Full PDB file with SEQRES, HELIX, SHEET, SSBOND, CRYST1, ORIGX, SCALE, CONECT and MASTER records, all heavy atoms in Angstrom:
SEQRES   1 A   37  VAL GLN SER MET GLU ARG ILE LEU GLY LEU HIS CYS CYS          
SEQRES   2 A   37  ILE GLY ALA GLY ARG VAL THR ASP ALA LEU SER LYS ILE          
SEQRES   3 A   37  PHE GLU SER TYR GLN ASP SER ILE THR ALA MET                  
HELIX    1 AA1 GLN A    2  ILE A    7  1                                   6    
HELIX    2 AA2 LEU A   23  LYS A   25  5                                   3    
HELIX    3 AA3 ILE A   26  ALA A   36  1                                  11    
CRYST1    1.000    1.000    1.000  90.00  90.00  90.00 P 1           1          
ORIGX1      1.000000  0.000000  0.000000        0.00000                         
ORIGX2      0.000000  1.000000  0.000000        0.00000                         
ORIGX3      0.000000  0.000000  1.000000        0.00000                         
SCALE1      1.000000  0.000000  0.000000        0.00000                         
SCALE2      0.000000  1.000000  0.000000        0.00000                         
SCALE3      0.000000  0.000000  1.000000        0.00000                         
ATOM      1  N   VAL A   1      -7.308  -7.274  -2.910  1.00  0.00           N  
ATOM      2  CA  VAL A   1      -7.202  -7.534  -4.326  1.00  0.00           C  
ATOM      3  C   VAL A   1      -8.420  -8.351  -4.712  1.00  0.00           C  
ATOM      4  O   VAL A   1      -9.144  -8.000  -5.787  1.00  0.00           O  
ATOM      5  CB  VAL A   1      -5.927  -8.277  -4.699  1.00  0.00           C  
ATOM      6  CG1 VAL A   1      -5.909  -8.742  -6.162  1.00  0.00           C  
ATOM      7  CG2 VAL A   1      -4.792  -7.320  -4.494  1.00  0.00           C  
ATOM      8  N   GLN A   2      -8.800  -9.402  -4.093  1.00  0.00           N  
ATOM      9  CA  GLN A   2      -9.850 -10.273  -4.510  1.00  0.00           C  
ATOM     10  C   GLN A   2     -11.190  -9.623  -4.351  1.00  0.00           C  
ATOM     11  O   GLN A   2     -12.070  -9.810  -5.281  1.00  0.00           O  
ATOM     12  CB  GLN A   2      -9.794 -11.549  -3.606  1.00  0.00           C  
ATOM     13  CG  GLN A   2      -8.597 -12.460  -3.901  1.00  0.00           C  
ATOM     14  CD  GLN A   2      -8.417 -13.500  -2.733  1.00  0.00           C  
ATOM     15  OE1 GLN A   2      -9.267 -13.752  -1.901  1.00  0.00           O  
ATOM     16  NE2 GLN A   2      -7.219 -14.168  -2.689  1.00  0.00           N  
ATOM     17  N   SER A   3     -11.362  -8.826  -3.270  1.00  0.00           N  
ATOM     18  CA  SER A   3     -12.704  -8.148  -3.176  1.00  0.00           C  
ATOM     19  C   SER A   3     -12.941  -7.118  -4.187  1.00  0.00           C  
ATOM     20  O   SER A   3     -14.036  -6.874  -4.711  1.00  0.00           O  
ATOM     21  CB  SER A   3     -12.757  -7.562  -1.789  1.00  0.00           C  
ATOM     22  OG  SER A   3     -12.673  -8.573  -0.739  1.00  0.00           O  
ATOM     23  N   MET A   4     -11.885  -6.352  -4.564  1.00  0.00           N  
ATOM     24  CA  MET A   4     -11.937  -5.292  -5.464  1.00  0.00           C  
ATOM     25  C   MET A   4     -12.298  -5.943  -6.909  1.00  0.00           C  
ATOM     26  O   MET A   4     -13.131  -5.445  -7.572  1.00  0.00           O  
ATOM     27  CB  MET A   4     -10.715  -4.471  -5.729  1.00  0.00           C  
ATOM     28  CG  MET A   4     -10.279  -3.646  -4.469  1.00  0.00           C  
ATOM     29  SD  MET A   4     -11.567  -2.307  -4.136  1.00  0.00           S  
ATOM     30  CE  MET A   4     -10.900  -1.571  -2.748  1.00  0.00           C  
ATOM     31  N   GLU A   5     -11.778  -7.042  -7.174  1.00  0.00           N  
ATOM     32  CA  GLU A   5     -12.003  -7.672  -8.488  1.00  0.00           C  
ATOM     33  C   GLU A   5     -13.393  -8.391  -8.465  1.00  0.00           C  
ATOM     34  O   GLU A   5     -14.126  -8.193  -9.409  1.00  0.00           O  
ATOM     35  CB  GLU A   5     -10.945  -8.800  -8.745  1.00  0.00           C  
ATOM     36  CG  GLU A   5      -9.560  -8.131  -8.979  1.00  0.00           C  
ATOM     37  CD  GLU A   5      -8.505  -9.236  -9.349  1.00  0.00           C  
ATOM     38  OE1 GLU A   5      -8.782 -10.429  -9.077  1.00  0.00           O  
ATOM     39  OE2 GLU A   5      -7.381  -8.803  -9.734  1.00  0.00           O  
ATOM     40  N   ARG A   6     -13.742  -9.015  -7.368  1.00  0.00           N  
ATOM     41  CA  ARG A   6     -14.973  -9.702  -7.371  1.00  0.00           C  
ATOM     42  C   ARG A   6     -16.198  -8.820  -7.256  1.00  0.00           C  
ATOM     43  O   ARG A   6     -17.245  -8.935  -7.905  1.00  0.00           O  
ATOM     44  CB  ARG A   6     -15.001 -10.769  -6.183  1.00  0.00           C  
ATOM     45  CG  ARG A   6     -16.371 -11.478  -6.005  1.00  0.00           C  
ATOM     46  CD  ARG A   6     -16.681 -12.447  -7.222  1.00  0.00           C  
ATOM     47  NE  ARG A   6     -17.917 -13.189  -7.051  1.00  0.00           N  
ATOM     48  CZ  ARG A   6     -19.083 -12.696  -7.456  1.00  0.00           C  
ATOM     49  NH1 ARG A   6     -19.170 -11.595  -8.157  1.00  0.00           N  
ATOM     50  NH2 ARG A   6     -20.217 -13.528  -7.223  1.00  0.00           N  
ATOM     51  N   ILE A   7     -16.083  -7.878  -6.267  1.00  0.00           N  
ATOM     52  CA  ILE A   7     -17.308  -7.021  -6.000  1.00  0.00           C  
ATOM     53  C   ILE A   7     -17.336  -5.799  -6.932  1.00  0.00           C  
ATOM     54  O   ILE A   7     -18.459  -5.341  -7.284  1.00  0.00           O  
ATOM     55  CB  ILE A   7     -17.194  -6.584  -4.513  1.00  0.00           C  
ATOM     56  CG1 ILE A   7     -17.180  -7.821  -3.583  1.00  0.00           C  
ATOM     57  CG2 ILE A   7     -18.347  -5.684  -4.185  1.00  0.00           C  
ATOM     58  CD1 ILE A   7     -17.022  -7.493  -2.136  1.00  0.00           C  
ATOM     59  N   LEU A   8     -16.225  -5.192  -7.186  1.00  0.00           N  
ATOM     60  CA  LEU A   8     -16.289  -3.958  -7.971  1.00  0.00           C  
ATOM     61  C   LEU A   8     -15.857  -4.152  -9.436  1.00  0.00           C  
ATOM     62  O   LEU A   8     -16.044  -3.262 -10.274  1.00  0.00           O  
ATOM     63  CB  LEU A   8     -15.411  -2.850  -7.360  1.00  0.00           C  
ATOM     64  CG  LEU A   8     -15.702  -2.454  -5.948  1.00  0.00           C  
ATOM     65  CD1 LEU A   8     -14.809  -1.395  -5.413  1.00  0.00           C  
ATOM     66  CD2 LEU A   8     -17.193  -2.023  -5.808  1.00  0.00           C  
ATOM     67  N   GLY A   9     -15.292  -5.300  -9.824  1.00  0.00           N  
ATOM     68  CA  GLY A   9     -14.875  -5.529 -11.108  1.00  0.00           C  
ATOM     69  C   GLY A   9     -13.645  -4.727 -11.492  1.00  0.00           C  
ATOM     70  O   GLY A   9     -13.459  -4.450 -12.676  1.00  0.00           O  
ATOM     71  N   LEU A  10     -12.822  -4.378 -10.514  1.00  0.00           N  
ATOM     72  CA  LEU A  10     -11.629  -3.466 -10.890  1.00  0.00           C  
ATOM     73  C   LEU A  10     -10.384  -4.257 -10.538  1.00  0.00           C  
ATOM     74  O   LEU A  10     -10.278  -5.002  -9.653  1.00  0.00           O  
ATOM     75  CB  LEU A  10     -11.675  -2.246 -10.062  1.00  0.00           C  
ATOM     76  CG  LEU A  10     -12.881  -1.377 -10.277  1.00  0.00           C  
ATOM     77  CD1 LEU A  10     -12.990  -0.127  -9.340  1.00  0.00           C  
ATOM     78  CD2 LEU A  10     -12.866  -0.753 -11.737  1.00  0.00           C  
ATOM     79  N   HIS A  11      -9.386  -3.967 -11.381  1.00  0.00           N  
ATOM     80  CA  HIS A  11      -8.058  -4.547 -11.196  1.00  0.00           C  
ATOM     81  C   HIS A  11      -7.281  -3.570 -10.208  1.00  0.00           C  
ATOM     82  O   HIS A  11      -7.395  -2.491 -10.050  1.00  0.00           O  
ATOM     83  CB  HIS A  11      -7.236  -4.472 -12.485  1.00  0.00           C  
ATOM     84  CG  HIS A  11      -5.792  -5.021 -12.457  1.00  0.00           C  
ATOM     85  ND1 HIS A  11      -5.647  -6.372 -12.310  1.00  0.00           N  
ATOM     86  CD2 HIS A  11      -4.678  -4.425 -12.390  1.00  0.00           C  
ATOM     87  CE1 HIS A  11      -4.383  -6.650 -12.291  1.00  0.00           C  
ATOM     88  NE2 HIS A  11      -3.731  -5.431 -12.418  1.00  0.00           N  
ATOM     89  N   CYS A  12      -6.602  -4.351  -9.247  1.00  0.00           N  
ATOM     90  CA  CYS A  12      -6.024  -3.692  -8.048  1.00  0.00           C  
ATOM     91  C   CYS A  12      -4.521  -3.742  -8.112  1.00  0.00           C  
ATOM     92  O   CYS A  12      -3.911  -4.842  -8.309  1.00  0.00           O  
ATOM     93  CB  CYS A  12      -6.576  -4.285  -6.861  1.00  0.00           C  
ATOM     94  SG  CYS A  12      -6.143  -3.501  -5.304  1.00  0.00           S  
ATOM     95  N   CYS A  13      -3.797  -2.634  -7.810  1.00  0.00           N  
ATOM     96  CA  CYS A  13      -2.266  -2.611  -7.751  1.00  0.00           C  
ATOM     97  C   CYS A  13      -2.020  -2.068  -6.331  1.00  0.00           C  
ATOM     98  O   CYS A  13      -2.552  -1.091  -5.938  1.00  0.00           O  
ATOM     99  CB  CYS A  13      -1.713  -1.838  -8.783  1.00  0.00           C  
ATOM    100  SG  CYS A  13      -1.732  -2.439 -10.455  1.00  0.00           S  
ATOM    101  N   ILE A  14      -1.147  -2.709  -5.583  1.00  0.00           N  
ATOM    102  CA  ILE A  14      -0.841  -2.455  -4.259  1.00  0.00           C  
ATOM    103  C   ILE A  14       0.681  -2.393  -4.038  1.00  0.00           C  
ATOM    104  O   ILE A  14       1.358  -3.198  -4.576  1.00  0.00           O  
ATOM    105  CB  ILE A  14      -1.527  -3.499  -3.273  1.00  0.00           C  
ATOM    106  CG1 ILE A  14      -2.953  -3.362  -3.366  1.00  0.00           C  
ATOM    107  CG2 ILE A  14      -1.014  -3.121  -1.841  1.00  0.00           C  
ATOM    108  CD1 ILE A  14      -3.718  -4.351  -2.349  1.00  0.00           C  
ATOM    109  N   GLY A  15       1.052  -1.429  -3.256  1.00  0.00           N  
ATOM    110  CA  GLY A  15       2.469  -1.242  -2.908  1.00  0.00           C  
ATOM    111  C   GLY A  15       2.605  -1.101  -1.384  1.00  0.00           C  
ATOM    112  O   GLY A  15       1.787  -0.509  -0.699  1.00  0.00           O  
ATOM    113  N   ALA A  16       3.483  -1.905  -0.837  1.00  0.00           N  
ATOM    114  CA  ALA A  16       3.664  -1.933   0.695  1.00  0.00           C  
ATOM    115  C   ALA A  16       5.054  -1.406   1.095  1.00  0.00           C  
ATOM    116  O   ALA A  16       6.072  -1.756   0.481  1.00  0.00           O  
ATOM    117  CB  ALA A  16       3.613  -3.448   1.146  1.00  0.00           C  
ATOM    118  N   GLY A  17       5.053  -0.351   1.939  1.00  0.00           N  
ATOM    119  CA  GLY A  17       6.234   0.244   2.380  1.00  0.00           C  
ATOM    120  C   GLY A  17       6.940  -0.558   3.474  1.00  0.00           C  
ATOM    121  O   GLY A  17       6.481  -1.645   3.859  1.00  0.00           O  
ATOM    122  N   ARG A  18       7.992  -0.154   3.948  1.00  0.00           N  
ATOM    123  CA  ARG A  18       8.750  -0.811   5.002  1.00  0.00           C  
ATOM    124  C   ARG A  18       8.210  -0.603   6.316  1.00  0.00           C  
ATOM    125  O   ARG A  18       7.347   0.248   6.589  1.00  0.00           O  
ATOM    126  CB  ARG A  18      10.234  -0.369   4.985  1.00  0.00           C  
ATOM    127  CG  ARG A  18      10.445   0.985   5.558  1.00  0.00           C  
ATOM    128  CD  ARG A  18      11.932   1.493   5.366  1.00  0.00           C  
ATOM    129  NE  ARG A  18      12.015   1.932   3.967  1.00  0.00           N  
ATOM    130  CZ  ARG A  18      13.127   1.539   3.313  1.00  0.00           C  
ATOM    131  NH1 ARG A  18      14.049   0.821   3.771  1.00  0.00           N  
ATOM    132  NH2 ARG A  18      13.272   1.927   1.995  1.00  0.00           N  
ATOM    133  N   VAL A  19       8.414  -1.484   7.203  1.00  0.00           N  
ATOM    134  CA  VAL A  19       7.910  -1.406   8.576  1.00  0.00           C  
ATOM    135  C   VAL A  19       8.786  -0.501   9.375  1.00  0.00           C  
ATOM    136  O   VAL A  19       9.900  -0.532   9.271  1.00  0.00           O  
ATOM    137  CB  VAL A  19       7.886  -2.894   9.229  1.00  0.00           C  
ATOM    138  CG1 VAL A  19       7.460  -2.756  10.732  1.00  0.00           C  
ATOM    139  CG2 VAL A  19       7.092  -3.758   8.476  1.00  0.00           C  
ATOM    140  N   THR A  20       8.080   0.351  10.166  1.00  0.00           N  
ATOM    141  CA  THR A  20       8.771   1.323  10.970  1.00  0.00           C  
ATOM    142  C   THR A  20       8.309   1.116  12.456  1.00  0.00           C  
ATOM    143  O   THR A  20       7.153   0.714  12.705  1.00  0.00           O  
ATOM    144  CB  THR A  20       8.500   2.725  10.515  1.00  0.00           C  
ATOM    145  OG1 THR A  20       9.275   3.652  11.422  1.00  0.00           O  
ATOM    146  CG2 THR A  20       7.086   3.014  10.530  1.00  0.00           C  
ATOM    147  N   ASP A  21       9.076   1.498  13.407  1.00  0.00           N  
ATOM    148  CA  ASP A  21       8.836   1.357  14.838  1.00  0.00           C  
ATOM    149  C   ASP A  21       8.361   2.616  15.457  1.00  0.00           C  
ATOM    150  O   ASP A  21       8.063   2.688  16.664  1.00  0.00           O  
ATOM    151  CB  ASP A  21       9.994   0.794  15.610  1.00  0.00           C  
ATOM    152  CG  ASP A  21      11.165   1.716  15.578  1.00  0.00           C  
ATOM    153  OD1 ASP A  21      11.137   2.753  14.877  1.00  0.00           O  
ATOM    154  OD2 ASP A  21      12.253   1.491  16.250  1.00  0.00           O  
ATOM    155  N   ALA A  22       8.007   3.692  14.649  1.00  0.00           N  
ATOM    156  CA  ALA A  22       7.679   4.918  15.187  1.00  0.00           C  
ATOM    157  C   ALA A  22       6.509   5.629  14.347  1.00  0.00           C  
ATOM    158  O   ALA A  22       6.721   5.666  13.095  1.00  0.00           O  
ATOM    159  CB  ALA A  22       8.784   5.874  15.487  1.00  0.00           C  
ATOM    160  N   LEU A  23       5.599   6.293  14.981  1.00  0.00           N  
ATOM    161  CA  LEU A  23       4.604   7.059  14.142  1.00  0.00           C  
ATOM    162  C   LEU A  23       5.250   8.158  13.549  1.00  0.00           C  
ATOM    163  O   LEU A  23       4.782   8.517  12.360  1.00  0.00           O  
ATOM    164  CB  LEU A  23       3.500   7.466  15.099  1.00  0.00           C  
ATOM    165  CG  LEU A  23       2.384   6.599  15.501  1.00  0.00           C  
ATOM    166  CD1 LEU A  23       1.617   7.009  16.701  1.00  0.00           C  
ATOM    167  CD2 LEU A  23       1.484   6.406  14.323  1.00  0.00           C  
ATOM    168  N   SER A  24       6.276   8.734  14.038  1.00  0.00           N  
ATOM    169  CA  SER A  24       6.919   9.865  13.425  1.00  0.00           C  
ATOM    170  C   SER A  24       7.726   9.534  12.189  1.00  0.00           C  
ATOM    171  O   SER A  24       8.299  10.341  11.486  1.00  0.00           O  
ATOM    172  CB  SER A  24       7.888  10.458  14.354  1.00  0.00           C  
ATOM    173  OG  SER A  24       8.786   9.568  14.991  1.00  0.00           O  
ATOM    174  N   LYS A  25       7.822   8.206  11.973  1.00  0.00           N  
ATOM    175  CA  LYS A  25       8.577   7.746  10.748  1.00  0.00           C  
ATOM    176  C   LYS A  25       7.626   7.131   9.659  1.00  0.00           C  
ATOM    177  O   LYS A  25       8.137   6.656   8.654  1.00  0.00           O  
ATOM    178  CB  LYS A  25       9.593   6.704  11.133  1.00  0.00           C  
ATOM    179  CG  LYS A  25      10.680   7.107  12.022  1.00  0.00           C  
ATOM    180  CD  LYS A  25      11.599   5.939  12.415  1.00  0.00           C  
ATOM    181  CE  LYS A  25      12.596   6.377  13.489  1.00  0.00           C  
ATOM    182  NZ  LYS A  25      13.452   5.190  13.857  1.00  0.00           N  
ATOM    183  N   ILE A  26       6.359   7.236   9.815  1.00  0.00           N  
ATOM    184  CA  ILE A  26       5.398   6.507   8.791  1.00  0.00           C  
ATOM    185  C   ILE A  26       5.510   7.260   7.428  1.00  0.00           C  
ATOM    186  O   ILE A  26       5.138   6.710   6.454  1.00  0.00           O  
ATOM    187  CB  ILE A  26       3.978   6.479   9.348  1.00  0.00           C  
ATOM    188  CG1 ILE A  26       3.344   7.806   9.566  1.00  0.00           C  
ATOM    189  CG2 ILE A  26       3.940   5.494  10.602  1.00  0.00           C  
ATOM    190  CD1 ILE A  26       1.848   7.637   9.847  1.00  0.00           C  
ATOM    191  N   PHE A  27       5.997   8.525   7.495  1.00  0.00           N  
ATOM    192  CA  PHE A  27       6.215   9.311   6.092  1.00  0.00           C  
ATOM    193  C   PHE A  27       7.130   8.313   5.242  1.00  0.00           C  
ATOM    194  O   PHE A  27       6.854   8.321   4.072  1.00  0.00           O  
ATOM    195  CB  PHE A  27       6.753  10.564   6.328  1.00  0.00           C  
ATOM    196  CG  PHE A  27       7.264  11.324   5.099  1.00  0.00           C  
ATOM    197  CD1 PHE A  27       6.363  11.962   4.343  1.00  0.00           C  
ATOM    198  CD2 PHE A  27       8.659  11.267   4.789  1.00  0.00           C  
ATOM    199  CE1 PHE A  27       6.726  12.549   3.177  1.00  0.00           C  
ATOM    200  CE2 PHE A  27       9.053  11.924   3.668  1.00  0.00           C  
ATOM    201  CZ  PHE A  27       8.148  12.553   2.797  1.00  0.00           C  
ATOM    202  N   GLU A  28       8.163   7.792   5.844  1.00  0.00           N  
ATOM    203  CA  GLU A  28       9.083   6.909   5.032  1.00  0.00           C  
ATOM    204  C   GLU A  28       8.393   5.776   4.427  1.00  0.00           C  
ATOM    205  O   GLU A  28       8.597   5.422   3.268  1.00  0.00           O  
ATOM    206  CB  GLU A  28      10.212   6.568   5.842  1.00  0.00           C  
ATOM    207  CG  GLU A  28      11.060   7.699   6.560  1.00  0.00           C  
ATOM    208  CD  GLU A  28      11.985   7.223   7.543  1.00  0.00           C  
ATOM    209  OE1 GLU A  28      12.250   6.050   7.745  1.00  0.00           O  
ATOM    210  OE2 GLU A  28      12.642   8.105   8.159  1.00  0.00           O  
ATOM    211  N   SER A  29       7.605   5.156   5.262  1.00  0.00           N  
ATOM    212  CA  SER A  29       6.832   3.898   4.737  1.00  0.00           C  
ATOM    213  C   SER A  29       5.894   4.406   3.710  1.00  0.00           C  
ATOM    214  O   SER A  29       5.597   3.619   2.707  1.00  0.00           O  
ATOM    215  CB  SER A  29       6.091   3.225   5.960  1.00  0.00           C  
ATOM    216  OG  SER A  29       5.474   1.995   5.603  1.00  0.00           O  
ATOM    217  N   TYR A  30       5.261   5.514   3.848  1.00  0.00           N  
ATOM    218  CA  TYR A  30       4.294   6.035   2.881  1.00  0.00           C  
ATOM    219  C   TYR A  30       4.961   6.251   1.483  1.00  0.00           C  
ATOM    220  O   TYR A  30       4.466   5.839   0.387  1.00  0.00           O  
ATOM    221  CB  TYR A  30       3.605   7.320   3.463  1.00  0.00           C  
ATOM    222  CG  TYR A  30       2.884   8.095   2.381  1.00  0.00           C  
ATOM    223  CD1 TYR A  30       1.694   7.471   1.813  1.00  0.00           C  
ATOM    224  CD2 TYR A  30       3.199   9.323   2.042  1.00  0.00           C  
ATOM    225  CE1 TYR A  30       0.866   8.246   0.988  1.00  0.00           C  
ATOM    226  CE2 TYR A  30       2.364  10.051   1.095  1.00  0.00           C  
ATOM    227  CZ  TYR A  30       1.316   9.522   0.561  1.00  0.00           C  
ATOM    228  OH  TYR A  30       0.593  10.182  -0.344  1.00  0.00           O  
ATOM    229  N   GLN A  31       6.140   6.898   1.513  1.00  0.00           N  
ATOM    230  CA  GLN A  31       6.948   7.088   0.266  1.00  0.00           C  
ATOM    231  C   GLN A  31       7.287   5.799  -0.321  1.00  0.00           C  
ATOM    232  O   GLN A  31       7.213   5.583  -1.596  1.00  0.00           O  
ATOM    233  CB  GLN A  31       8.115   7.921   0.545  1.00  0.00           C  
ATOM    234  CG  GLN A  31       7.813   9.377   0.991  1.00  0.00           C  
ATOM    235  CD  GLN A  31       7.146  10.101  -0.089  1.00  0.00           C  
ATOM    236  OE1 GLN A  31       7.492  10.132  -1.332  1.00  0.00           O  
ATOM    237  NE2 GLN A  31       6.096  10.900   0.260  1.00  0.00           N  
ATOM    238  N   ASP A  32       7.709   4.839   0.481  1.00  0.00           N  
ATOM    239  CA  ASP A  32       8.032   3.502  -0.056  1.00  0.00           C  
ATOM    240  C   ASP A  32       6.901   2.828  -0.683  1.00  0.00           C  
ATOM    241  O   ASP A  32       6.974   2.191  -1.797  1.00  0.00           O  
ATOM    242  CB  ASP A  32       8.459   2.592   1.097  1.00  0.00           C  
ATOM    243  CG  ASP A  32       9.804   2.937   1.644  1.00  0.00           C  
ATOM    244  OD1 ASP A  32      10.591   3.602   0.889  1.00  0.00           O  
ATOM    245  OD2 ASP A  32      10.223   2.535   2.793  1.00  0.00           O  
ATOM    246  N   SER A  33       5.721   2.983  -0.116  1.00  0.00           N  
ATOM    247  CA  SER A  33       4.489   2.357  -0.656  1.00  0.00           C  
ATOM    248  C   SER A  33       4.093   2.849  -2.077  1.00  0.00           C  
ATOM    249  O   SER A  33       3.600   2.165  -2.897  1.00  0.00           O  
ATOM    250  CB  SER A  33       3.341   2.438   0.341  1.00  0.00           C  
ATOM    251  OG  SER A  33       2.797   3.810   0.352  1.00  0.00           O  
ATOM    252  N   ILE A  34       4.309   4.164  -2.203  1.00  0.00           N  
ATOM    253  CA  ILE A  34       4.070   4.791  -3.531  1.00  0.00           C  
ATOM    254  C   ILE A  34       4.950   4.238  -4.529  1.00  0.00           C  
ATOM    255  O   ILE A  34       4.540   3.894  -5.641  1.00  0.00           O  
ATOM    256  CB  ILE A  34       4.102   6.358  -3.399  1.00  0.00           C  
ATOM    257  CG1 ILE A  34       3.060   6.909  -2.386  1.00  0.00           C  
ATOM    258  CG2 ILE A  34       3.944   7.020  -4.756  1.00  0.00           C  
ATOM    259  CD1 ILE A  34       3.172   8.328  -2.219  1.00  0.00           C  
ATOM    260  N   THR A  35       6.240   4.152  -4.254  1.00  0.00           N  
ATOM    261  CA  THR A  35       7.261   3.672  -5.117  1.00  0.00           C  
ATOM    262  C   THR A  35       6.855   2.246  -5.525  1.00  0.00           C  
ATOM    263  O   THR A  35       6.985   1.871  -6.714  1.00  0.00           O  
ATOM    264  CB  THR A  35       8.637   3.640  -4.465  1.00  0.00           C  
ATOM    265  OG1 THR A  35       8.971   4.993  -4.193  1.00  0.00           O  
ATOM    266  CG2 THR A  35       9.680   3.010  -5.468  1.00  0.00           C  
ATOM    267  N   ALA A  36       6.550   1.451  -4.581  1.00  0.00           N  
ATOM    268  CA  ALA A  36       6.237   0.027  -4.851  1.00  0.00           C  
ATOM    269  C   ALA A  36       4.917  -0.086  -5.591  1.00  0.00           C  
ATOM    270  O   ALA A  36       4.857  -0.979  -6.542  1.00  0.00           O  
ATOM    271  CB  ALA A  36       6.082  -0.773  -3.458  1.00  0.00           C  
ATOM    272  N   MET A  37       3.867   0.728  -5.329  1.00  0.00           N  
ATOM    273  CA  MET A  37       2.688   0.684  -6.085  1.00  0.00           C  
ATOM    274  C   MET A  37       2.847   1.027  -7.500  1.00  0.00           C  
ATOM    275  O   MET A  37       2.338   0.370  -8.429  1.00  0.00           O  
ATOM    276  CB  MET A  37       1.630   1.580  -5.409  1.00  0.00           C  
ATOM    277  CG  MET A  37       0.269   1.536  -6.038  1.00  0.00           C  
ATOM    278  SD  MET A  37      -0.795   2.908  -5.530  1.00  0.00           S  
ATOM    279  CE  MET A  37       0.158   4.359  -6.250  1.00  0.00           C  
TER     280      MET A  37                                                      
MASTER        0    0    0    3    0    0    0    6  279    1    0    3          
END                                                                             
């Protein structure tokens, strides 16, 4: 967030998905991150 604002002058919105214990489940965290973003 700080680097995007300071270096590029852009406002940054970030969403973080849930933590998963398997690579085969990162799709779920990806969908969560979009919802949160």
